[in-house]
Structures are given as C-alpha cells and as structure tokens.
Amino acid sequence: MKKILIATSLFACAVFAADGAALYKKCATCHGMNGEKKALGKSKIIKDLPKADFISAMKGYKAGTYGGAMKGLMKGQVATLSDADIEALANHIAK
C-alpha cells in the first residue's frame, strides 16, 4: 500500500509539473526559438543568462521592479506565471 501511495504521489507531481518548453512557446515570438534574439531589438539575449539571473529578472518583471523599456510589456507576459512556471522556463532556456 505504501509503495502505491508513493508511486501515485510521484506520478501526480510529474503530471502537474510545469512544462518549460510549452510555456516558452509564447516567448519564442520575440526571443527566438532558442532564446537567441534580442526581443524587439532591446532585451538581453536570454539563452546567455545564468539561470539565477533569468529567474531574478522574471520575478522582477512580475513584481514591476525590474526592466527598462520592456518593463510594461513583460509585466503582462509574466503576470500569470507561478514560481514553478518561472523555474520550468529557466530550466528550459537558461544556463
């Protein structure tokens, strides 16, 4: 019984885990398929960012405390992302 409970719990976590690749699809229009573009010619190239910097930037955009010219645009893009979503995006795109 204990093994079944553990297996079920692990499966449920996998099902509900954020999918960075799926989340990134809405980012790719501006940032490129692999994070290689400067969004609208203004942003940093996100594929070159360390993971911690990417997470910090995303959380800052969400809080409205980070960003220059892109601040308003990005705040709307990240508004609905959870911390788990941001982590999944970081795992997908950042180093």
PDB file of N, CA and C in Angstrom:
ATOM      1  N   MET A   1       0.827  -1.199   0.000  1.00  0.00           N
ATOM      2  CA  MET A   1       0.000   0.000   0.000  1.00  0.00           C
ATOM      3  C   MET A   1       0.865   1.253   0.000  1.00  0.00           C
ATOM      4  N   LYS A   2       1.925   1.224   0.821  1.00  0.00           N
ATOM      5  CA  LYS A   2       2.813   2.381   0.923  1.00  0.00           C
ATOM      6  C   LYS A   2       3.477   2.675  -0.426  1.00  0.00           C
ATOM      7  N   LYS A   3       3.882   1.612  -1.144  1.00  0.00           N
ATOM      8  CA  LYS A   3       4.515   1.776  -2.452  1.00  0.00           C
ATOM      9  C   LYS A   3       3.544   2.390  -3.455  1.00  0.00           C
ATOM     10  N   ILE A   4       2.306   1.990  -3.398  1.00  0.00           N
ATOM     11  CA  ILE A   4       1.290   2.533  -4.306  1.00  0.00           C
ATOM     12  C   ILE A   4       1.079   4.015  -4.038  1.00  0.00           C
ATOM     13  N   LEU A   5       1.019   4.384  -2.782  1.00  0.00           N
ATOM     14  CA  LEU A   5       0.832   5.786  -2.410  1.00  0.00           C
ATOM     15  C   LEU A   5       2.001   6.643  -2.893  1.00  0.00           C
ATOM     16  N   ILE A   6       3.210   6.147  -2.711  1.00  0.00           N
ATOM     17  CA  ILE A   6       4.394   6.888  -3.158  1.00  0.00           C
ATOM     18  C   ILE A   6       4.398   7.013  -4.679  1.00  0.00           C
ATOM     19  N   ALA A   7       4.125   5.931  -5.371  1.00  0.00           N
ATOM     20  CA  ALA A   7       4.105   5.960  -6.834  1.00  0.00           C
ATOM     21  C   ALA A   7       3.036   6.914  -7.353  1.00  0.00           C
ATOM     22  N   THR A   8       1.872   6.889  -6.736  1.00  0.00           N
ATOM     23  CA  THR A   8       0.788   7.788  -7.136  1.00  0.00           C
ATOM     24  C   THR A   8       1.178   9.240  -6.909  1.00  0.00           C
ATOM     25  N   SER A   9       1.815   9.516  -5.802  1.00  0.00           N
ATOM     26  CA  SER A   9       2.255  10.882  -5.498  1.00  0.00           C
ATOM     27  C   SER A   9       3.281  11.367  -6.511  1.00  0.00           C
ATOM     28  N   LEU A  10       4.237  10.517  -6.850  1.00  0.00           N
ATOM     29  CA  LEU A  10       5.253  10.892  -7.837  1.00  0.00           C
ATOM     30  C   LEU A  10       4.630  11.136  -9.204  1.00  0.00           C
ATOM     31  N   PHE A  11       3.688  10.300  -9.590  1.00  0.00           N
ATOM     32  CA  PHE A  11       3.010  10.474 -10.868  1.00  0.00           C
ATOM     33  C   PHE A  11       2.236  11.784 -10.894  1.00  0.00           C
ATOM     34  N   ALA A  12       1.545  12.084  -9.825  1.00  0.00           N
ATOM     35  CA  ALA A  12       0.770  13.331  -9.752  1.00  0.00           C
ATOM     36  C   ALA A  12       1.687  14.540  -9.858  1.00  0.00           C
ATOM     37  N   CYS A  13       2.837  14.492  -9.222  1.00  0.00           N
ATOM     38  CA  CYS A  13       3.794  15.609  -9.316  1.00  0.00           C
ATOM     39  C   CYS A  13       4.282  15.774 -10.747  1.00  0.00           C
ATOM     40  N   ALA A  14       4.547  14.677 -11.419  1.00  0.00           N
ATOM     41  CA  ALA A  14       5.013  14.753 -12.804  1.00  0.00           C
ATOM     42  C   ALA A  14       3.940  15.328 -13.720  1.00  0.00           C
ATOM     43  N   VAL A  15       2.702  14.957 -13.495  1.00  0.00           N
ATOM     44  CA  VAL A  15       1.600  15.442 -14.326  1.00  0.00           C
ATOM     45  C   VAL A  15       1.407  16.939 -14.157  1.00  0.00           C
ATOM     46  N   PHE A  16       1.517  17.419 -12.926  1.00  0.00           N
ATOM     47  CA  PHE A  16       1.262  18.830 -12.658  1.00  0.00           C
ATOM     48  C   PHE A  16       2.505  19.717 -12.756  1.00  0.00           C
ATOM     49  N   ALA A  17       3.663  19.122 -13.011  1.00  0.00           N
ATOM     50  CA  ALA A  17       4.881  19.916 -13.143  1.00  0.00           C
ATOM     51  C   ALA A  17       4.777  20.817 -14.365  1.00  0.00           C
ATOM     52  N   ALA A  18       5.272  22.026 -14.223  1.00  0.00           N
ATOM     53  CA  ALA A  18       5.238  22.974 -15.324  1.00  0.00           C
ATOM     54  C   ALA A  18       6.146  22.482 -16.447  1.00  0.00           C
ATOM     55  N   ASP A  19       5.701  22.658 -17.669  1.00  0.00           N
ATOM     56  CA  ASP A  19       6.442  22.250 -18.852  1.00  0.00           C
ATOM     57  C   ASP A  19       7.094  23.489 -19.460  1.00  0.00           C
ATOM     58  N   GLY A  20       8.394  23.641 -19.247  1.00  0.00           N
ATOM     59  CA  GLY A  20       9.114  24.811 -19.727  1.00  0.00           C
ATOM     60  C   GLY A  20       9.027  24.997 -21.227  1.00  0.00           C
ATOM     61  N   ALA A  21       9.103  23.906 -21.990  1.00  0.00           N
ATOM     62  CA  ALA A  21       9.036  24.012 -23.450  1.00  0.00           C
ATOM     63  C   ALA A  21       7.677  24.532 -23.896  1.00  0.00           C
ATOM     64  N   ALA A  22       6.619  24.041 -23.280  1.00  0.00           N
ATOM     65  CA  ALA A  22       5.272  24.505 -23.638  1.00  0.00           C
ATOM     66  C   ALA A  22       5.081  25.961 -23.235  1.00  0.00           C
ATOM     67  N   LEU A  23       5.556  26.331 -22.056  1.00  0.00           N
ATOM     68  CA  LEU A  23       5.443  27.718 -21.603  1.00  0.00           C
ATOM     69  C   LEU A  23       6.245  28.655 -22.500  1.00  0.00           C
ATOM     70  N   TYR A  24       7.393  28.203 -22.971  1.00  0.00           N
ATOM     71  CA  TYR A  24       8.278  29.054 -23.759  1.00  0.00           C
ATOM     72  C   TYR A  24       7.697  29.407 -25.131  1.00  0.00           C
ATOM     73  N   LYS A  25       6.765  28.635 -25.623  1.00  0.00           N
ATOM     74  CA  LYS A  25       6.212  28.893 -26.960  1.00  0.00           C
ATOM     75  C   LYS A  25       5.721  30.324 -27.117  1.00  0.00           C
ATOM     76  N   LYS A  26       5.120  30.904 -26.076  1.00  0.00           N
ATOM     77  CA  LYS A  26       4.637  32.280 -26.197  1.00  0.00           C
ATOM     78  C   LYS A  26       5.779  33.290 -26.123  1.00  0.00           C
ATOM     79  N   CYS A  27       6.928  32.876 -25.629  1.00  0.00           N
ATOM     80  CA  CYS A  27       8.108  33.750 -25.538  1.00  0.00           C
ATOM     81  C   CYS A  27       8.883  33.776 -26.860  1.00  0.00           C
ATOM     82  N   ALA A  28       8.802  32.673 -27.607  1.00  0.00           N
ATOM     83  CA  ALA A  28       9.629  32.487 -28.797  1.00  0.00           C
ATOM     84  C   ALA A  28       9.387  33.531 -29.881  1.00  0.00           C
ATOM     85  N   THR A  29       8.192  34.075 -29.953  1.00  0.00           N
ATOM     86  CA  THR A  29       7.900  35.076 -30.977  1.00  0.00           C
ATOM     87  C   THR A  29       8.870  36.244 -30.883  1.00  0.00           C
ATOM     88  N   CYS A  30       9.131  36.715 -29.698  1.00  0.00           N
ATOM     89  CA  CYS A  30      10.032  37.859 -29.503  1.00  0.00           C
ATOM     90  C   CYS A  30      11.477  37.439 -29.237  1.00  0.00           C
ATOM     91  N   HIS A  31      11.670  36.348 -28.491  1.00  0.00           N
ATOM     92  CA  HIS A  31      13.013  35.960 -28.049  1.00  0.00           C
ATOM     93  C   HIS A  31      13.674  34.916 -28.940  1.00  0.00           C
ATOM     94  N   GLY A  32      12.978  34.409 -29.953  1.00  0.00           N
ATOM     95  CA  GLY A  32      13.527  33.375 -30.822  1.00  0.00           C
ATOM     96  C   GLY A  32      13.272  31.986 -30.269  1.00  0.00           C
ATOM     97  N   MET A  33      13.325  31.011 -31.149  1.00  0.00           N
ATOM     98  CA  MET A  33      13.027  29.628 -30.754  1.00  0.00           C
ATOM     99  C   MET A  33      13.958  29.109 -29.660  1.00  0.00           C
ATOM    100  N   ASN A  34      15.171  29.627 -29.617  1.00  0.00           N
ATOM    101  CA  ASN A  34      16.142  29.156 -28.627  1.00  0.00           C
ATOM    102  C   ASN A  34      16.632  30.269 -27.709  1.00  0.00           C
ATOM    103  N   GLY A  35      15.882  31.355 -27.635  1.00  0.00           N
ATOM    104  CA  GLY A  35      16.273  32.467 -26.773  1.00  0.00           C
ATOM    105  C   GLY A  35      17.445  33.258 -27.314  1.00  0.00           C
ATOM    106  N   GLU A  36      17.655  33.175 -28.633  1.00  0.00           N
ATOM    107  CA  GLU A  36      18.838  33.766 -29.250  1.00  0.00           C
ATOM    108  C   GLU A  36      18.654  35.208 -29.735  1.00  0.00           C
ATOM    109  N   LYS A  37      17.450  35.729 -29.683  1.00  0.00           N
ATOM    110  CA  LYS A  37      17.174  37.070 -30.199  1.00  0.00           C
ATOM    111  C   LYS A  37      17.012  38.099 -29.085  1.00  0.00           C
ATOM    112  N   LYS A  38      17.352  39.339 -29.406  1.00  0.00           N
ATOM    113  CA  LYS A  38      17.026  40.463 -28.533  1.00  0.00           C
ATOM    114  C   LYS A  38      15.571  40.807 -28.829  1.00  0.00           C
ATOM    115  N   ALA A  39      14.695  40.642 -27.871  1.00  0.00           N
ATOM    116  CA  ALA A  39      13.267  40.913 -28.082  1.00  0.00           C
ATOM    117  C   ALA A  39      13.078  42.365 -28.492  1.00  0.00           C
ATOM    118  N   LEU A  40      12.421  42.553 -29.619  1.00  0.00           N
ATOM    119  CA  LEU A  40      12.164  43.880 -30.178  1.00  0.00           C
ATOM    120  C   LEU A  40      13.444  44.702 -30.289  1.00  0.00           C
ATOM    121  N   GLY A  41      14.581  44.017 -30.412  1.00  0.00           N
ATOM    122  CA  GLY A  41      15.873  44.674 -30.547  1.00  0.00           C
ATOM    123  C   GLY A  41      16.376  45.354 -29.287  1.00  0.00           C
ATOM    124  N   LYS A  42      15.739  45.086 -28.144  1.00  0.00           N
ATOM    125  CA  LYS A  42      16.070  45.822 -26.918  1.00  0.00           C
ATOM    126  C   LYS A  42      16.503  44.959 -25.739  1.00  0.00           C
ATOM    127  N   SER A  43      16.056  43.741 -25.662  1.00  0.00           N
ATOM    128  CA  SER A  43      16.318  42.933 -24.458  1.00  0.00           C
ATOM    129  C   SER A  43      17.687  42.267 -24.502  1.00  0.00           C
ATOM    130  N   LYS A  44      18.047  41.658 -23.395  1.00  0.00           N
ATOM    131  CA  LYS A  44      19.228  40.807 -23.355  1.00  0.00           C
ATOM    132  C   LYS A  44      18.892  39.523 -24.096  1.00  0.00           C
ATOM    133  N   ILE A  45      19.907  38.827 -24.559  1.00  0.00           N
ATOM    134  CA  ILE A  45      19.710  37.512 -25.166  1.00  0.00           C
ATOM    135  C   ILE A  45      19.567  36.524 -24.013  1.00  0.00           C
ATOM    136  N   ILE A  46      18.377  35.969 -23.857  1.00  0.00           N
ATOM    137  CA  ILE A  46      18.085  35.198 -22.647  1.00  0.00           C
ATOM    138  C   ILE A  46      18.794  33.852 -22.575  1.00  0.00           C
ATOM    139  N   LYS A  47      19.155  33.276 -23.712  1.00  0.00           N
ATOM    140  CA  LYS A  47      19.848  31.973 -23.654  1.00  0.00           C
ATOM    141  C   LYS A  47      21.224  32.094 -23.012  1.00  0.00           C
ATOM    142  N   ASP A  48      21.769  33.308 -22.978  1.00  0.00           N
ATOM    143  CA  ASP A  48      23.086  33.523 -22.387  1.00  0.00           C
ATOM    144  C   ASP A  48      23.038  33.863 -20.898  1.00  0.00           C
ATOM    145  N   LEU A  49      21.846  34.040 -20.358  1.00  0.00           N
ATOM    146  CA  LEU A  49      21.720  34.405 -18.944  1.00  0.00           C
ATOM    147  C   LEU A  49      21.924  33.193 -18.038  1.00  0.00           C
ATOM    148  N   PRO A  50      22.644  33.368 -16.936  1.00  0.00           N
ATOM    149  CA  PRO A  50      22.670  32.294 -15.932  1.00  0.00           C
ATOM    150  C   PRO A  50      21.249  32.080 -15.391  1.00  0.00           C
ATOM    151  N   LYS A  51      20.965  30.868 -14.999  1.00  0.00           N
ATOM    152  CA  LYS A  51      19.629  30.514 -14.524  1.00  0.00           C
ATOM    153  C   LYS A  51      19.153  31.440 -13.410  1.00  0.00           C
ATOM    154  N   ALA A  52      20.006  31.723 -12.443  1.00  0.00           N
ATOM    155  CA  ALA A  52      19.610  32.583 -11.315  1.00  0.00           C
ATOM    156  C   ALA A  52      19.254  33.992 -11.786  1.00  0.00           C
ATOM    157  N   ASP A  53      19.988  34.508 -12.764  1.00  0.00           N
ATOM    158  CA  ASP A  53      19.694  35.843 -13.297  1.00  0.00           C
ATOM    159  C   ASP A  53      18.371  35.850 -14.053  1.00  0.00           C
ATOM    160  N   PHE A  54      18.110  34.775 -14.797  1.00  0.00           N
ATOM    161  CA  PHE A  54      16.849  34.660 -15.534  1.00  0.00           C
ATOM    162  C   PHE A  54      15.670  34.662 -14.561  1.00  0.00           C
ATOM    163  N   ILE A  55      15.776  33.853 -13.513  1.00  0.00           N
ATOM    164  CA  ILE A  55      14.702  33.770 -12.514  1.00  0.00           C
ATOM    165  C   ILE A  55      14.506  35.115 -11.831  1.00  0.00           C
ATOM    166  N   SER A  56      15.593  35.752 -11.460  1.00  0.00           N
ATOM    167  CA  SER A  56      15.516  37.058 -10.812  1.00  0.00           C
ATOM    168  C   SER A  56      14.840  38.083 -11.720  1.00  0.00           C
ATOM    169  N   ALA A  57      15.202  38.086 -12.993  1.00  0.00           N
ATOM    170  CA  ALA A  57      14.595  39.021 -13.945  1.00  0.00           C
ATOM    171  C   ALA A  57      13.098  38.755 -14.094  1.00  0.00           C
ATOM    172  N   MET A  58      12.725  37.496 -14.231  1.00  0.00           N
ATOM    173  CA  MET A  58      11.308  37.155 -14.413  1.00  0.00           C
ATOM    174  C   MET A  58      10.484  37.564 -13.195  1.00  0.00           C
ATOM    175  N   LYS A  59      11.004  37.283 -12.015  1.00  0.00           N
ATOM    176  CA  LYS A  59      10.288  37.665 -10.792  1.00  0.00           C
ATOM    177  C   LYS A  59      10.237  39.181 -10.655  1.00  0.00           C
ATOM    178  N   GLY A  60      11.302  39.850 -11.086  1.00  0.00           N
ATOM    179  CA  GLY A  60      11.318  41.311 -11.063  1.00  0.00           C
ATOM    180  C   GLY A  60      10.314  41.914 -12.030  1.00  0.00           C
ATOM    181  N   TYR A  61      10.226  41.346 -13.227  1.00  0.00           N
ATOM    182  CA  TYR A  61       9.205  41.805 -14.181  1.00  0.00           C
ATOM    183  C   TYR A  61       7.814  41.630 -13.578  1.00  0.00           C
ATOM    184  N   LYS A  62       7.595  40.474 -12.967  1.00  0.00           N
ATOM    185  CA  LYS A  62       6.286  40.178 -12.377  1.00  0.00           C
ATOM    186  C   LYS A  62       5.933  41.168 -11.272  1.00  0.00           C
ATOM    187  N   ALA A  63       6.924  41.543 -10.467  1.00  0.00           N
ATOM    188  CA  ALA A  63       6.703  42.482  -9.361  1.00  0.00           C
ATOM    189  C   ALA A  63       6.725  43.941  -9.822  1.00  0.00           C
ATOM    190  N   GLY A  64       7.185  44.157 -11.062  1.00  0.00           N
ATOM    191  CA  GLY A  64       7.288  45.523 -11.568  1.00  0.00           C
ATOM    192  C   GLY A  64       8.522  46.253 -11.081  1.00  0.00           C
ATOM    193  N   THR A  65       9.509  45.507 -10.591  1.00  0.00           N
ATOM    194  CA  THR A  65      10.717  46.118 -10.030  1.00  0.00           C
ATOM    195  C   THR A  65      11.934  45.973 -10.932  1.00  0.00           C
ATOM    196  N   TYR A  66      11.776  45.371 -12.093  1.00  0.00           N
ATOM    197  CA  TYR A  66      12.909  45.108 -12.980  1.00  0.00           C
ATOM    198  C   TYR A  66      12.544  45.518 -14.396  1.00  0.00           C
ATOM    199  N   GLY A  67      13.531  45.970 -15.121  1.00  0.00           N
ATOM    200  CA  GLY A  67      13.364  46.202 -16.548  1.00  0.00           C
ATOM    201  C   GLY A  67      13.343  47.658 -16.924  1.00  0.00           C
ATOM    202  N   GLY A  68      13.838  47.909 -18.092  1.00  0.00           N
ATOM    203  CA  GLY A  68      13.837  49.259 -18.631  1.00  0.00           C
ATOM    204  C   GLY A  68      12.664  49.431 -19.573  1.00  0.00           C
ATOM    205  N   ALA A  69      12.985  49.558 -20.847  1.00  0.00           N
ATOM    206  CA  ALA A  69      11.974  49.814 -21.870  1.00  0.00           C
ATOM    207  C   ALA A  69      10.940  48.689 -21.976  1.00  0.00           C
ATOM    208  N   MET A  70      11.316  47.488 -21.612  1.00  0.00           N
ATOM    209  CA  MET A  70      10.426  46.332 -21.770  1.00  0.00           C
ATOM    210  C   MET A  70       9.579  46.053 -20.529  1.00  0.00           C
ATOM    211  N   LYS A  71       9.760  46.839 -19.500  1.00  0.00           N
ATOM    212  CA  LYS A  71       9.122  46.572 -18.206  1.00  0.00           C
ATOM    213  C   LYS A  71       7.606  46.383 -18.312  1.00  0.00           C
ATOM    214  N   GLY A  72       6.915  47.306 -18.941  1.00  0.00           N
ATOM    215  CA  GLY A  72       5.458  47.224 -19.042  1.00  0.00           C
ATOM    216  C   GLY A  72       4.993  46.029 -19.847  1.00  0.00           C
ATOM    217  N   LEU A  73       5.660  45.771 -20.954  1.00  0.00           N
ATOM    218  CA  LEU A  73       5.299  44.638 -21.804  1.00  0.00           C
ATOM    219  C   LEU A  73       5.528  43.317 -21.078  1.00  0.00           C
ATOM    220  N   MET A  74       6.671  43.178 -20.455  1.00  0.00           N
ATOM    221  CA  MET A  74       6.995  41.920 -19.791  1.00  0.00           C
ATOM    222  C   MET A  74       6.158  41.679 -18.540  1.00  0.00           C
ATOM    223  N   LYS A  75       5.789  42.713 -17.836  1.00  0.00           N
ATOM    224  CA  LYS A  75       4.951  42.535 -16.638  1.00  0.00           C
ATOM    225  C   LYS A  75       3.669  41.801 -17.011  1.00  0.00           C
ATOM    226  N   GLY A  76       3.069  42.172 -18.120  1.00  0.00           N
ATOM    227  CA  GLY A  76       1.862  41.493 -18.587  1.00  0.00           C
ATOM    228  C   GLY A  76       2.113  40.059 -19.013  1.00  0.00           C
ATOM    229  N   GLN A  77       3.282  39.795 -19.573  1.00  0.00           N
ATOM    230  CA  GLN A  77       3.605  38.450 -20.039  1.00  0.00           C
ATOM    231  C   GLN A  77       3.825  37.470 -18.887  1.00  0.00           C
ATOM    232  N   VAL A  78       4.364  37.955 -17.787  1.00  0.00           N
ATOM    233  CA  VAL A  78       4.693  37.054 -16.672  1.00  0.00           C
ATOM    234  C   VAL A  78       3.667  37.079 -15.543  1.00  0.00           C
ATOM    235  N   ALA A  79       2.663  37.907 -15.666  1.00  0.00           N
ATOM    236  CA  ALA A  79       1.695  38.112 -14.575  1.00  0.00           C
ATOM    237  C   ALA A  79       1.060  36.817 -14.072  1.00  0.00           C
ATOM    238  N   THR A  80       0.781  35.893 -14.957  1.00  0.00           N
ATOM    239  CA  THR A  80       0.083  34.670 -14.551  1.00  0.00           C
ATOM    240  C   THR A  80       1.024  33.503 -14.261  1.00  0.00           C
ATOM    241  N   LEU A  81       2.329  33.711 -14.400  1.00  0.00           N
ATOM    242  CA  LEU A  81       3.276  32.620 -14.163  1.00  0.00           C
ATOM    243  C   LEU A  81       3.500  32.403 -12.667  1.00  0.00           C
ATOM    244  N   SER A  82       3.476  31.154 -12.273  1.00  0.00           N
ATOM    245  CA  SER A  82       3.794  30.801 -10.883  1.00  0.00           C
ATOM    246  C   SER A  82       5.314  30.691 -10.741  1.00  0.00           C
ATOM    247  N   ASP A  83       5.775  30.562  -9.516  1.00  0.00           N
ATOM    248  CA  ASP A  83       7.207  30.336  -9.294  1.00  0.00           C
ATOM    249  C   ASP A  83       7.654  29.045  -9.973  1.00  0.00           C
ATOM    250  N   ALA A  84       6.800  28.031  -9.967  1.00  0.00           N
ATOM    251  CA  ALA A  84       7.128  26.764 -10.631  1.00  0.00           C
ATOM    252  C   ALA A  84       7.231  26.958 -12.141  1.00  0.00           C
ATOM    253  N   ASP A  85       6.354  27.783 -12.709  1.00  0.00           N
ATOM    254  CA  ASP A  85       6.418  28.079 -14.142  1.00  0.00           C
ATOM    255  C   ASP A  85       7.726  28.786 -14.486  1.00  0.00           C
ATOM    256  N   ILE A  86       8.102  29.754 -13.670  1.00  0.00           N
ATOM    257  CA  ILE A  86       9.341  30.504 -13.896  1.00  0.00           C
ATOM    258  C   ILE A  86      10.541  29.569 -13.801  1.00  0.00           C
ATOM    259  N   GLU A  87      10.531  28.683 -12.836  1.00  0.00           N
ATOM    260  CA  GLU A  87      11.604  27.690 -12.682  1.00  0.00           C
ATOM    261  C   GLU A  87      11.672  26.784 -13.909  1.00  0.00           C
ATOM    262  N   ALA A  88      10.511  26.345 -14.403  1.00  0.00           N
ATOM    263  CA  ALA A  88      10.470  25.484 -15.585  1.00  0.00           C
ATOM    264  C   ALA A  88      11.006  26.221 -16.810  1.00  0.00           C
ATOM    265  N   LEU A  89      10.640  27.480 -16.966  1.00  0.00           N
ATOM    266  CA  LEU A  89      11.178  28.282 -18.072  1.00  0.00           C
ATOM    267  C   LEU A  89      12.692  28.413 -17.950  1.00  0.00           C
ATOM    268  N   ALA A  90      13.166  28.669 -16.749  1.00  0.00           N
ATOM    269  CA  ALA A  90      14.608  28.800 -16.520  1.00  0.00           C
ATOM    270  C   ALA A  90      15.334  27.504 -16.866  1.00  0.00           C
ATOM    271  N   ASN A  91      14.764  26.389 -16.472  1.00  0.00           N
ATOM    272  CA  ASN A  91      15.376  25.099 -16.790  1.00  0.00           C
ATOM    273  C   ASN A  91      15.387  24.850 -18.287  1.00  0.00           C
ATOM    274  N   HIS A  92      14.384  25.363 -18.981  1.00  0.00           N
ATOM    275  CA  HIS A  92      14.291  25.163 -20.422  1.00  0.00           C
ATOM    276  C   HIS A  92      15.270  26.048 -21.193  1.00  0.00           C
ATOM    277  N   ILE A  93      15.406  27.302 -20.813  1.00  0.00           N
ATOM    278  CA  ILE A  93      16.133  28.256 -21.649  1.00  0.00           C
ATOM    279  C   ILE A  93      17.482  28.693 -21.105  1.00  0.00           C
ATOM    280  N   ALA A  94      17.617  28.878 -19.812  1.00  0.00           N
ATOM    281  CA  ALA A  94      18.836  29.484 -19.261  1.00  0.00           C
ATOM    282  C   ALA A  94      19.908  28.441 -18.960  1.00  0.00           C
ATOM    283  N   LYS A  95      21.120  28.935 -18.763  1.00  0.00           N
ATOM    284  CA  LYS A  95      22.256  28.045 -18.471  1.00  0.00           C
ATOM    285  C   LYS A  95      22.312  27.727 -16.991  1.00  0.00           C
TER     286      LYS A  95
END
